């Protein structure tokens, strides 16, 4: 099971749905980690050190920064992009599968997209 870090503006309804289905899941929010307001590149590097895949709705900046780290050969723990307009139930279903099935090594240096 992969460990997660939710981006600052990640939908809390999705988080609650995931926690109901996967109570043993290791999920930390940017706010709870004391990282609110940090730039995306900082969050990506922090997540890599902590082996946490980032859950985000941010296609415009976080995804390009993650790609940049990969190109530069820097560690990147992984990113899962969830469209913010996706139905909550669908997001929870797909994320449940991803969290349970992917390993940290499979997520490393990868950007995955929901829906599956």
Protein backbone atom coordinates (compact mmCIF):
# COMPACT_ATOMS: atom_id res chain seq x y z
CA UNK A 1 0.00 0.00 0.00
CA UNK A 2 1.43 3.36 -0.97
CA UNK A 3 1.78 6.24 1.48
CA UNK A 4 0.10 9.49 0.47
CA UNK A 5 0.44 13.24 0.84
CA UNK A 6 -2.57 15.31 -0.20
CA UNK A 7 -1.92 18.61 -1.91
CA UNK A 8 -3.14 21.74 -0.17
CA UNK A 9 -6.43 22.06 -2.07
CA UNK A 10 -7.26 18.37 -2.41
CA UNK A 11 -10.98 17.58 -2.03
CA UNK A 12 -11.65 16.53 1.58
CA UNK A 13 -14.74 14.55 0.56
CA UNK A 14 -12.46 12.25 -1.42
CA UNK A 15 -10.10 11.98 1.56
CA UNK A 16 -13.00 11.07 3.90
CA UNK A 17 -14.24 8.44 1.44
CA UNK A 18 -10.78 6.89 1.18
CA UNK A 19 -10.34 6.84 4.95
CA UNK A 20 -13.69 5.07 5.37
CA UNK A 21 -12.68 2.39 2.92
CA UNK A 22 -9.04 2.11 3.92
CA UNK A 23 -8.74 2.99 7.61
CA UNK A 24 -5.20 1.57 7.71
CA UNK A 25 -4.07 3.89 4.89
CA UNK A 26 -1.14 6.20 5.68
CA UNK A 27 -2.39 9.57 4.40
CA UNK A 28 -1.02 12.93 5.47
CA UNK A 29 -2.16 16.35 4.33
CA UNK A 30 0.20 19.18 3.45
CA UNK A 31 -1.38 21.18 6.27
CA UNK A 32 -0.90 18.41 8.86
CA UNK A 33 2.72 18.04 7.77
CA UNK A 34 3.28 21.76 8.41
CA UNK A 35 3.97 22.42 4.74
CA UNK A 36 1.12 24.79 3.87
CA UNK A 37 2.13 27.47 1.39
CA UNK A 38 5.26 25.68 0.22
CA UNK A 39 5.97 25.66 -3.53
CA UNK A 40 5.21 22.51 -5.50
CA UNK A 41 8.88 21.70 -6.07
CA UNK A 42 9.49 21.76 -2.31
CA UNK A 43 6.51 19.45 -1.74
CA UNK A 44 7.70 17.03 -4.42
CA UNK A 45 11.17 16.84 -2.88
CA UNK A 46 9.77 16.46 0.63
CA UNK A 47 7.42 13.70 -0.55
CA UNK A 48 10.33 11.90 -2.20
CA UNK A 49 12.31 11.93 1.06
CA UNK A 50 9.27 10.58 2.91
CA UNK A 51 8.26 8.07 0.19
CA UNK A 52 4.81 9.63 -0.17
CA UNK A 53 2.89 9.81 -3.42
CA UNK A 54 1.17 13.18 -3.84
CA UNK A 55 -2.56 13.33 -4.54
CA UNK A 56 -3.43 16.50 -6.42
CA UNK A 57 -5.98 18.22 -8.60
CA UNK A 58 -3.23 20.54 -9.88
CA UNK A 59 -2.51 19.70 -13.51
CA UNK A 60 -1.01 23.06 -14.44
CA UNK A 61 1.97 23.34 -12.07
CA UNK A 62 2.57 20.23 -9.97
CA UNK A 63 2.57 17.81 -12.89
CA UNK A 64 5.14 19.81 -14.93
CA UNK A 65 7.35 20.17 -11.84
CA UNK A 66 7.18 16.39 -11.28
CA UNK A 67 8.16 15.80 -14.92
CA UNK A 68 11.06 18.21 -14.49
CA UNK A 69 12.39 16.24 -11.51
CA UNK A 70 12.18 13.03 -13.51
CA UNK A 71 14.06 14.55 -16.46
CA UNK A 72 16.73 15.91 -14.11
CA UNK A 73 17.18 12.48 -12.53
CA UNK A 74 16.04 13.67 -9.10
CA UNK A 75 13.95 11.35 -6.93
CA UNK A 76 10.20 11.73 -7.26
CA UNK A 77 7.92 9.50 -5.16
CA UNK A 78 5.00 9.73 -7.56
CA UNK A 79 1.97 11.86 -8.31
CA UNK A 80 -1.66 10.90 -8.79
CA UNK A 81 -3.70 13.55 -10.61
CA UNK A 82 -7.43 13.55 -9.94
CA UNK A 83 -9.55 15.94 -12.04
CA UNK A 84 -11.39 18.23 -9.64
CA UNK A 85 -14.65 17.82 -11.58
CA UNK A 86 -14.58 14.00 -11.33
CA UNK A 87 -17.48 12.46 -9.42
CA UNK A 88 -16.39 11.83 -5.81
CA UNK A 89 -17.51 8.20 -5.77
CA UNK A 90 -15.55 7.46 -8.95
CA UNK A 91 -12.45 9.17 -7.54
CA UNK A 92 -12.68 7.20 -4.30
CA UNK A 93 -13.18 3.89 -6.16
CA UNK A 94 -10.21 4.41 -8.47
CA UNK A 95 -7.95 5.73 -5.73
CA UNK A 96 -8.79 2.78 -3.48
CA UNK A 97 -7.57 0.42 -6.20
CA UNK A 98 -4.41 2.46 -6.80
CA UNK A 99 -3.53 2.81 -3.12
CA UNK A 100 -3.97 -0.91 -2.50
CA UNK A 101 -2.40 -2.24 -5.69
CA UNK A 102 0.55 0.02 -6.50
CA UNK A 103 3.80 -0.26 -4.60
CA UNK A 104 6.13 2.60 -3.75
CA UNK A 105 8.58 1.36 -6.37
CA UNK A 106 5.86 1.30 -9.04
CA UNK A 107 4.87 4.87 -8.23
CA UNK A 108 8.44 6.20 -8.09
CA UNK A 109 9.08 8.58 -11.00
CA UNK A 110 5.54 8.09 -12.32
CA UNK A 111 2.56 10.34 -12.80
CA UNK A 112 -0.75 8.48 -12.81
CA UNK A 113 -4.16 9.84 -13.67
CA UNK A 114 -7.63 9.09 -12.35
CA UNK A 115 -9.91 7.81 -13.77
CA UNK A 116 -8.02 4.61 -14.42
